[in-house]
Amino acid sequence: MFEVVLSRDAARSLDRQALQTRRRILAAIEKLAAYPQKGKKLHGELEGLYTLRVGGMRVVYEVDSGSKAVVVHAVGPRGDVYKN
């Protein structure tokens, strides 16, 4: 089982979401503890990161196998989440 850690930016983005959306995203993030490679691998500048689709939202995260951690870097709409 992996530990899931939210970055400060990801936590802020999550707090700004509507309650129902926040619940769906949190449920998906919790599942990453058991299945960290569930998402799609990203390429190019974002190589080494994964993305998980939750409706129209995306969760961008990194898997650190050494420390058994999943670090969530960004949460947001598809059009915005990959820009930073």
PDB file of N, CA and C in Angstrom:
ATOM      1  N   MET A   1       0.832  -1.182   0.000  1.00  0.00           N
ATOM      2  CA  MET A   1       0.000   0.000   0.000  1.00  0.00           C
ATOM      3  C   MET A   1       0.882   1.252   0.000  1.00  0.00           C
ATOM      4  N   PHE A   2       0.570   2.181  -0.851  1.00  0.00           N
ATOM      5  CA  PHE A   2       1.307   3.436  -0.952  1.00  0.00           C
ATOM      6  C   PHE A   2       0.635   4.507  -0.092  1.00  0.00           C
ATOM      7  N   GLU A   3       1.430   5.467   0.358  1.00  0.00           N
ATOM      8  CA  GLU A   3       0.893   6.622   1.071  1.00  0.00           C
ATOM      9  C   GLU A   3       0.594   7.701   0.036  1.00  0.00           C
ATOM     10  N   VAL A   4      -0.554   8.346   0.149  1.00  0.00           N
ATOM     11  CA  VAL A   4      -0.930   9.410  -0.776  1.00  0.00           C
ATOM     12  C   VAL A   4      -0.707  10.756  -0.097  1.00  0.00           C
ATOM     13  N   VAL A   5       0.051  11.635  -0.777  1.00  0.00           N
ATOM     14  CA  VAL A   5       0.384  12.956  -0.238  1.00  0.00           C
ATOM     15  C   VAL A   5      -0.081  14.014  -1.237  1.00  0.00           C
ATOM     16  N   LEU A   6      -0.795  15.019  -0.750  1.00  0.00           N
ATOM     17  CA  LEU A   6      -1.233  16.126  -1.599  1.00  0.00           C
ATOM     18  C   LEU A   6      -0.266  17.294  -1.461  1.00  0.00           C
ATOM     19  N   SER A   7       0.147  17.860  -2.578  1.00  0.00           N
ATOM     20  CA  SER A   7       0.958  19.079  -2.518  1.00  0.00           C
ATOM     21  C   SER A   7       0.056  20.222  -2.060  1.00  0.00           C
ATOM     22  N   ARG A   8       0.661  21.314  -1.658  1.00  0.00           N
ATOM     23  CA  ARG A   8      -0.119  22.475  -1.206  1.00  0.00           C
ATOM     24  C   ARG A   8      -1.030  22.983  -2.325  1.00  0.00           C
ATOM     25  N   ASP A   9      -0.508  23.063  -3.549  1.00  0.00           N
ATOM     26  CA  ASP A   9      -1.313  23.538  -4.682  1.00  0.00           C
ATOM     27  C   ASP A   9      -2.481  22.602  -4.973  1.00  0.00           C
ATOM     28  N   ALA A  10      -2.230  21.301  -4.909  1.00  0.00           N
ATOM     29  CA  ALA A  10      -3.292  20.331  -5.159  1.00  0.00           C
ATOM     30  C   ALA A  10      -4.372  20.431  -4.087  1.00  0.00           C
ATOM     31  N   ALA A  11      -3.972  20.596  -2.834  1.00  0.00           N
ATOM     32  CA  ALA A  11      -4.942  20.719  -1.739  1.00  0.00           C
ATOM     33  C   ALA A  11      -5.792  21.975  -1.914  1.00  0.00           C
ATOM     34  N   ARG A  12      -5.171  23.080  -2.305  1.00  0.00           N
ATOM     35  CA  ARG A  12      -5.923  24.324  -2.535  1.00  0.00           C
ATOM     36  C   ARG A  12      -6.916  24.162  -3.682  1.00  0.00           C
ATOM     37  N   SER A  13      -6.468  23.548  -4.764  1.00  0.00           N
ATOM     38  CA  SER A  13      -7.349  23.328  -5.911  1.00  0.00           C
ATOM     39  C   SER A  13      -8.519  22.442  -5.530  1.00  0.00           C
ATOM     40  N   LEU A  14      -8.248  21.437  -4.745  1.00  0.00           N
ATOM     41  CA  LEU A  14      -9.296  20.524  -4.307  1.00  0.00           C
ATOM     42  C   LEU A  14     -10.308  21.243  -3.424  1.00  0.00           C
ATOM     43  N   ASP A  15      -9.843  22.107  -2.543  1.00  0.00           N
ATOM     44  CA  ASP A  15     -10.735  22.862  -1.656  1.00  0.00           C
ATOM     45  C   ASP A  15     -11.668  23.790  -2.428  1.00  0.00           C
ATOM     46  N   ARG A  16     -11.263  24.235  -3.609  1.00  0.00           N
ATOM     47  CA  ARG A  16     -12.083  25.149  -4.403  1.00  0.00           C
ATOM     48  C   ARG A  16     -13.182  24.441  -5.192  1.00  0.00           C
ATOM     49  N   GLN A  17     -13.158  23.121  -5.214  1.00  0.00           N
ATOM     50  CA  GLN A  17     -14.144  22.368  -5.987  1.00  0.00           C
ATOM     51  C   GLN A  17     -15.458  22.250  -5.221  1.00  0.00           C
ATOM     52  N   ALA A  18     -16.531  22.032  -5.962  1.00  0.00           N
ATOM     53  CA  ALA A  18     -17.836  21.785  -5.350  1.00  0.00           C
ATOM     54  C   ALA A  18     -17.757  20.497  -4.532  1.00  0.00           C
ATOM     55  N   LEU A  19     -18.577  20.392  -3.522  1.00  0.00           N
ATOM     56  CA  LEU A  19     -18.527  19.260  -2.597  1.00  0.00           C
ATOM     57  C   LEU A  19     -18.621  17.915  -3.321  1.00  0.00           C
ATOM     58  N   GLN A  20     -19.571  17.782  -4.229  1.00  0.00           N
ATOM     59  CA  GLN A  20     -19.755  16.510  -4.947  1.00  0.00           C
ATOM     60  C   GLN A  20     -18.512  16.166  -5.773  1.00  0.00           C
ATOM     61  N   THR A  21     -17.961  17.151  -6.454  1.00  0.00           N
ATOM     62  CA  THR A  21     -16.751  16.942  -7.258  1.00  0.00           C
ATOM     63  C   THR A  21     -15.582  16.574  -6.361  1.00  0.00           C
ATOM     64  N   ARG A  22     -15.452  17.276  -5.248  1.00  0.00           N
ATOM     65  CA  ARG A  22     -14.365  17.006  -4.296  1.00  0.00           C
ATOM     66  C   ARG A  22     -14.435  15.566  -3.793  1.00  0.00           C
ATOM     67  N   ARG A  23     -15.636  15.098  -3.482  1.00  0.00           N
ATOM     68  CA  ARG A  23     -15.798  13.714  -3.000  1.00  0.00           C
ATOM     69  C   ARG A  23     -15.369  12.706  -4.054  1.00  0.00           C
ATOM     70  N   ARG A  24     -15.750  12.943  -5.312  1.00  0.00           N
ATOM     71  CA  ARG A  24     -15.377  12.020  -6.389  1.00  0.00           C
ATOM     72  C   ARG A  24     -13.867  11.991  -6.585  1.00  0.00           C
ATOM     73  N   ILE A  25     -13.244  13.166  -6.529  1.00  0.00           N
ATOM     74  CA  ILE A  25     -11.796  13.242  -6.709  1.00  0.00           C
ATOM     75  C   ILE A  25     -11.079  12.557  -5.550  1.00  0.00           C
ATOM     76  N   LEU A  26     -11.525  12.808  -4.325  1.00  0.00           N
ATOM     77  CA  LEU A  26     -10.894  12.175  -3.157  1.00  0.00           C
ATOM     78  C   LEU A  26     -11.025  10.657  -3.200  1.00  0.00           C
ATOM     79  N   ALA A  27     -12.185  10.163  -3.640  1.00  0.00           N
ATOM     80  CA  ALA A  27     -12.372   8.711  -3.756  1.00  0.00           C
ATOM     81  C   ALA A  27     -11.385   8.128  -4.768  1.00  0.00           C
ATOM     82  N   ALA A  28     -11.192   8.824  -5.885  1.00  0.00           N
ATOM     83  CA  ALA A  28     -10.249   8.357  -6.907  1.00  0.00           C
ATOM     84  C   ALA A  28      -8.817   8.405  -6.387  1.00  0.00           C
ATOM     85  N   ILE A  29      -8.478   9.466  -5.648  1.00  0.00           N
ATOM     86  CA  ILE A  29      -7.127   9.603  -5.096  1.00  0.00           C
ATOM     87  C   ILE A  29      -6.848   8.505  -4.075  1.00  0.00           C
ATOM     88  N   GLU A  30      -7.840   8.170  -3.255  1.00  0.00           N
ATOM     89  CA  GLU A  30      -7.661   7.107  -2.260  1.00  0.00           C
ATOM     90  C   GLU A  30      -7.365   5.769  -2.922  1.00  0.00           C
ATOM     91  N   LYS A  31      -7.957   5.517  -4.078  1.00  0.00           N
ATOM     92  CA  LYS A  31      -7.707   4.259  -4.795  1.00  0.00           C
ATOM     93  C   LYS A  31      -6.270   4.170  -5.306  1.00  0.00           C
ATOM     94  N   LEU A  32      -5.620   5.322  -5.479  1.00  0.00           N
ATOM     95  CA  LEU A  32      -4.230   5.317  -5.939  1.00  0.00           C
ATOM     96  C   LEU A  32      -3.298   4.661  -4.929  1.00  0.00           C
ATOM     97  N   ALA A  33      -3.677   4.631  -3.654  1.00  0.00           N
ATOM     98  CA  ALA A  33      -2.846   3.993  -2.631  1.00  0.00           C
ATOM     99  C   ALA A  33      -2.669   2.508  -2.942  1.00  0.00           C
ATOM    100  N   ALA A  34      -3.700   1.880  -3.483  1.00  0.00           N
ATOM    101  CA  ALA A  34      -3.631   0.455  -3.810  1.00  0.00           C
ATOM    102  C   ALA A  34      -3.143   0.213  -5.239  1.00  0.00           C
ATOM    103  N   TYR A  35      -3.485   1.115  -6.156  1.00  0.00           N
ATOM    104  CA  TYR A  35      -3.140   0.951  -7.568  1.00  0.00           C
ATOM    105  C   TYR A  35      -2.493   2.227  -8.107  1.00  0.00           C
ATOM    106  N   PRO A  36      -1.252   2.509  -7.733  1.00  0.00           N
ATOM    107  CA  PRO A  36      -0.638   3.790  -8.104  1.00  0.00           C
ATOM    108  C   PRO A  36      -0.413   3.995  -9.605  1.00  0.00           C
ATOM    109  N   GLN A  37      -0.268   2.940 -10.383  1.00  0.00           N
ATOM    110  CA  GLN A  37      -0.052   3.103 -11.823  1.00  0.00           C
ATOM    111  C   GLN A  37      -1.362   3.062 -12.601  1.00  0.00           C
ATOM    112  N   LYS A  38      -2.473   3.283 -11.934  1.00  0.00           N
ATOM    113  CA  LYS A  38      -3.786   3.228 -12.568  1.00  0.00           C
ATOM    114  C   LYS A  38      -3.952   4.279 -13.661  1.00  0.00           C
ATOM    115  N   GLY A  39      -3.347   5.426 -13.485  1.00  0.00           N
ATOM    116  CA  GLY A  39      -3.491   6.526 -14.439  1.00  0.00           C
ATOM    117  C   GLY A  39      -2.680   6.317 -15.700  1.00  0.00           C
ATOM    118  N   LYS A  40      -2.760   7.305 -16.558  1.00  0.00           N
ATOM    119  CA  LYS A  40      -2.057   7.287 -17.840  1.00  0.00           C
ATOM    120  C   LYS A  40      -0.725   8.020 -17.689  1.00  0.00           C
ATOM    121  N   LYS A  41       0.356   7.434 -18.222  1.00  0.00           N
ATOM    122  CA  LYS A  41       1.668   8.085 -18.173  1.00  0.00           C
ATOM    123  C   LYS A  41       1.672   9.302 -19.086  1.00  0.00           C
ATOM    124  N   LEU A  42       2.293  10.365 -18.597  1.00  0.00           N
ATOM    125  CA  LEU A  42       2.425  11.574 -19.399  1.00  0.00           C
ATOM    126  C   LEU A  42       3.772  11.579 -20.109  1.00  0.00           C
ATOM    127  N   HIS A  43       3.867  12.354 -21.178  1.00  0.00           N
ATOM    128  CA  HIS A  43       5.076  12.402 -21.997  1.00  0.00           C
ATOM    129  C   HIS A  43       5.566  13.834 -22.142  1.00  0.00           C
ATOM    130  N   GLY A  44       6.698  14.003 -22.760  1.00  0.00           N
ATOM    131  CA  GLY A  44       7.250  15.335 -23.004  1.00  0.00           C
ATOM    132  C   GLY A  44       7.761  15.965 -21.724  1.00  0.00           C
ATOM    133  N   GLU A  45       7.403  17.224 -21.504  1.00  0.00           N
ATOM    134  CA  GLU A  45       7.862  17.951 -20.321  1.00  0.00           C
ATOM    135  C   GLU A  45       7.344  17.339 -19.022  1.00  0.00           C
ATOM    136  N   LEU A  46       6.245  16.615 -19.106  1.00  0.00           N
ATOM    137  CA  LEU A  46       5.631  16.020 -17.916  1.00  0.00           C
ATOM    138  C   LEU A  46       5.980  14.541 -17.753  1.00  0.00           C
ATOM    139  N   GLU A  47       7.007  14.095 -18.450  1.00  0.00           N
ATOM    140  CA  GLU A  47       7.415  12.694 -18.362  1.00  0.00           C
ATOM    141  C   GLU A  47       7.752  12.338 -16.916  1.00  0.00           C
ATOM    142  N   GLY A  48       7.325  11.171 -16.494  1.00  0.00           N
ATOM    143  CA  GLY A  48       7.537  10.735 -15.119  1.00  0.00           C
ATOM    144  C   GLY A  48       6.305  10.949 -14.252  1.00  0.00           C
ATOM    145  N   LEU A  49       5.335  11.695 -14.789  1.00  0.00           N
ATOM    146  CA  LEU A  49       4.091  11.938 -14.068  1.00  0.00           C
ATOM    147  C   LEU A  49       2.969  11.117 -14.689  1.00  0.00           C
ATOM    148  N   TYR A  50       1.902  10.969 -13.931  1.00  0.00           N
ATOM    149  CA  TYR A  50       0.713  10.268 -14.395  1.00  0.00           C
ATOM    150  C   TYR A  50      -0.473  11.217 -14.309  1.00  0.00           C
ATOM    151  N   THR A  51      -1.519  10.923 -15.082  1.00  0.00           N
ATOM    152  CA  THR A  51      -2.761  11.677 -14.973  1.00  0.00           C
ATOM    153  C   THR A  51      -3.912  10.703 -14.779  1.00  0.00           C
ATOM    154  N   LEU A  52      -4.843  11.108 -13.951  1.00  0.00           N
ATOM    155  CA  LEU A  52      -6.027  10.302 -13.671  1.00  0.00           C
ATOM    156  C   LEU A  52      -7.243  11.147 -14.000  1.00  0.00           C
ATOM    157  N   ARG A  53      -8.129  10.616 -14.801  1.00  0.00           N
ATOM    158  CA  ARG A  53      -9.331  11.335 -15.213  1.00  0.00           C
ATOM    159  C   ARG A  53     -10.450  11.060 -14.221  1.00  0.00           C
ATOM    160  N   VAL A  54     -11.074  12.135 -13.738  1.00  0.00           N
ATOM    161  CA  VAL A  54     -12.234  12.029 -12.849  1.00  0.00           C
ATOM    162  C   VAL A  54     -13.286  12.974 -13.424  1.00  0.00           C
ATOM    163  N   GLY A  55     -14.144  12.451 -14.297  1.00  0.00           N
ATOM    164  CA  GLY A  55     -15.100  13.301 -15.003  1.00  0.00           C
ATOM    165  C   GLY A  55     -14.338  14.268 -15.897  1.00  0.00           C
ATOM    166  N   GLY A  56     -14.627  15.559 -15.772  1.00  0.00           N
ATOM    167  CA  GLY A  56     -13.930  16.580 -16.546  1.00  0.00           C
ATOM    168  C   GLY A  56     -12.673  17.082 -15.863  1.00  0.00           C
ATOM    169  N   MET A  57     -12.380  16.532 -14.702  1.00  0.00           N
ATOM    170  CA  MET A  57     -11.222  16.958 -13.916  1.00  0.00           C
ATOM    171  C   MET A  57     -10.061  15.995 -14.139  1.00  0.00           C
ATOM    172  N   ARG A  58      -8.853  16.486 -13.862  1.00  0.00           N
ATOM    173  CA  ARG A  58      -7.655  15.657 -13.956  1.00  0.00           C
ATOM    174  C   ARG A  58      -6.860  15.769 -12.668  1.00  0.00           C
ATOM    175  N   VAL A  59      -6.247  14.654 -12.292  1.00  0.00           N
ATOM    176  CA  VAL A  59      -5.348  14.599 -11.141  1.00  0.00           C
ATOM    177  C   VAL A  59      -3.975  14.240 -11.700  1.00  0.00           C
ATOM    178  N   VAL A  60      -2.994  15.106 -11.507  1.00  0.00           N
ATOM    179  CA  VAL A  60      -1.633  14.859 -11.981  1.00  0.00           C
ATOM    180  C   VAL A  60      -0.800  14.459 -10.776  1.00  0.00           C
ATOM    181  N   TYR A  61      -0.153  13.296 -10.887  1.00  0.00           N
ATOM    182  CA  TYR A  61       0.578  12.771  -9.735  1.00  0.00           C
ATOM    183  C   TYR A  61       1.846  12.055 -10.149  1.00  0.00           C
ATOM    184  N   GLU A  62       2.671  11.792  -9.144  1.00  0.00           N
ATOM    185  CA  GLU A  62       3.962  11.129  -9.325  1.00  0.00           C
ATOM    186  C   GLU A  62       4.004   9.930  -8.386  1.00  0.00           C
ATOM    187  N   VAL A  63       4.579   8.836  -8.843  1.00  0.00           N
ATOM    188  CA  VAL A  63       4.723   7.642  -8.015  1.00  0.00           C
ATOM    189  C   VAL A  63       6.188   7.508  -7.614  1.00  0.00           C
ATOM    190  N   ASP A  64       6.435   7.490  -6.312  1.00  0.00           N
ATOM    191  CA  ASP A  64       7.786   7.301  -5.777  1.00  0.00           C
ATOM    192  C   ASP A  64       7.843   5.900  -5.176  1.00  0.00           C
ATOM    193  N   SER A  65       8.334   4.947  -5.957  1.00  0.00           N
ATOM    194  CA  SER A  65       8.371   3.549  -5.515  1.00  0.00           C
ATOM    195  C   SER A  65       9.314   3.339  -4.344  1.00  0.00           C
ATOM    196  N   GLY A  66      10.383   4.113  -4.273  1.00  0.00           N
ATOM    197  CA  GLY A  66      11.351   3.975  -3.189  1.00  0.00           C
ATOM    198  C   GLY A  66      10.745   4.242  -1.830  1.00  0.00           C
ATOM    199  N   SER A  67       9.998   5.323  -1.714  1.00  0.00           N
ATOM    200  CA  SER A  67       9.385   5.664  -0.425  1.00  0.00           C
ATOM    201  C   SER A  67       7.927   5.224  -0.359  1.00  0.00           C
ATOM    202  N   LYS A  68       7.470   4.508  -1.385  1.00  0.00           N
ATOM    203  CA  LYS A  68       6.093   4.015  -1.453  1.00  0.00           C
ATOM    204  C   LYS A  68       5.097   5.149  -1.231  1.00  0.00           C
ATOM    205  N   ALA A  69       5.255   6.201  -2.021  1.00  0.00           N
ATOM    206  CA  ALA A  69       4.375   7.364  -1.905  1.00  0.00           C
ATOM    207  C   ALA A  69       3.837   7.764  -3.275  1.00  0.00           C
ATOM    208  N   VAL A  70       2.611   8.250  -3.265  1.00  0.00           N
ATOM    209  CA  VAL A  70       1.995   8.860  -4.433  1.00  0.00           C
ATOM    210  C   VAL A  70       1.839  10.335  -4.091  1.00  0.00           C
ATOM    211  N   VAL A  71       2.509  11.200  -4.853  1.00  0.00           N
ATOM    212  CA  VAL A  71       2.463  12.640  -4.589  1.00  0.00           C
ATOM    213  C   VAL A  71       1.563  13.288  -5.640  1.00  0.00           C
ATOM    214  N   VAL A  72       0.449  13.852  -5.192  1.00  0.00           N
ATOM    215  CA  VAL A  72      -0.486  14.533  -6.087  1.00  0.00           C
ATOM    216  C   VAL A  72      -0.007  15.971  -6.241  1.00  0.00           C
ATOM    217  N   HIS A  73       0.321  16.357  -7.474  1.00  0.00           N
ATOM    218  CA  HIS A  73       0.863  17.688  -7.743  1.00  0.00           C
ATOM    219  C   HIS A  73      -0.198  18.697  -8.163  1.00  0.00           C
ATOM    220  N   ALA A  74      -1.234  18.245  -8.865  1.00  0.00           N
ATOM    221  CA  ALA A  74      -2.231  19.185  -9.376  1.00  0.00           C
ATOM    222  C   ALA A  74      -3.585  18.510  -9.513  1.00  0.00           C
ATOM    223  N   VAL A  75      -4.623  19.303  -9.287  1.00  0.00           N
ATOM    224  CA  VAL A  75      -6.005  18.875  -9.482  1.00  0.00           C
ATOM    225  C   VAL A  75      -6.710  20.023 -10.180  1.00  0.00           C
ATOM    226  N   GLY A  76      -7.396  19.725 -11.285  1.00  0.00           N
ATOM    227  CA  GLY A  76      -8.104  20.804 -11.966  1.00  0.00           C
ATOM    228  C   GLY A  76      -8.735  20.352 -13.261  1.00  0.00           C
ATOM    229  N   PRO A  77      -9.388  21.292 -13.944  1.00  0.00           N
ATOM    230  CA  PRO A  77     -10.004  20.976 -15.233  1.00  0.00           C
ATOM    231  C   PRO A  77      -8.946  20.602 -16.267  1.00  0.00           C
ATOM    232  N   ARG A  78      -9.325  19.783 -17.193  1.00  0.00           N
ATOM    233  CA  ARG A  78      -8.397  19.279 -18.205  1.00  0.00           C
ATOM    234  C   ARG A  78      -7.635  20.403 -18.902  1.00  0.00           C
ATOM    235  N   GLY A  79      -8.290  21.482 -19.239  1.00  0.00           N
ATOM    236  CA  GLY A  79      -7.655  22.562 -19.986  1.00  0.00           C
ATOM    237  C   GLY A  79      -6.621  23.340 -19.197  1.00  0.00           C
ATOM    238  N   ASP A  80      -6.691  23.295 -17.874  1.00  0.00           N
ATOM    239  CA  ASP A  80      -5.810  24.113 -17.036  1.00  0.00           C
ATOM    240  C   ASP A  80      -4.718  23.334 -16.323  1.00  0.00           C
ATOM    241  N   VAL A  81      -4.966  22.090 -16.018  1.00  0.00           N
ATOM    242  CA  VAL A  81      -4.090  21.353 -15.101  1.00  0.00           C
ATOM    243  C   VAL A  81      -2.696  21.093 -15.662  1.00  0.00           C
ATOM    244  N   TYR A  82      -2.538  21.026 -16.966  1.00  0.00           N
ATOM    245  CA  TYR A  82      -1.234  20.712 -17.552  1.00  0.00           C
ATOM    246  C   TYR A  82      -0.381  21.954 -17.819  1.00  0.00           C
ATOM    247  N   LYS A  83      -0.928  23.138 -17.616  1.00  0.00           N
ATOM    248  CA  LYS A  83      -0.216  24.379 -17.941  1.00  0.00           C
ATOM    249  C   LYS A  83       0.916  24.692 -16.982  1.00  0.00           C
ATOM    250  N   ASN A  84       0.752  24.363 -15.715  1.00  0.00           N
ATOM    251  CA  ASN A  84       1.788  24.705 -14.736  1.00  0.00           C
ATOM    252  C   ASN A  84       2.586  23.483 -14.458  1.00  0.00           C
TER     253      ASN A  84
END
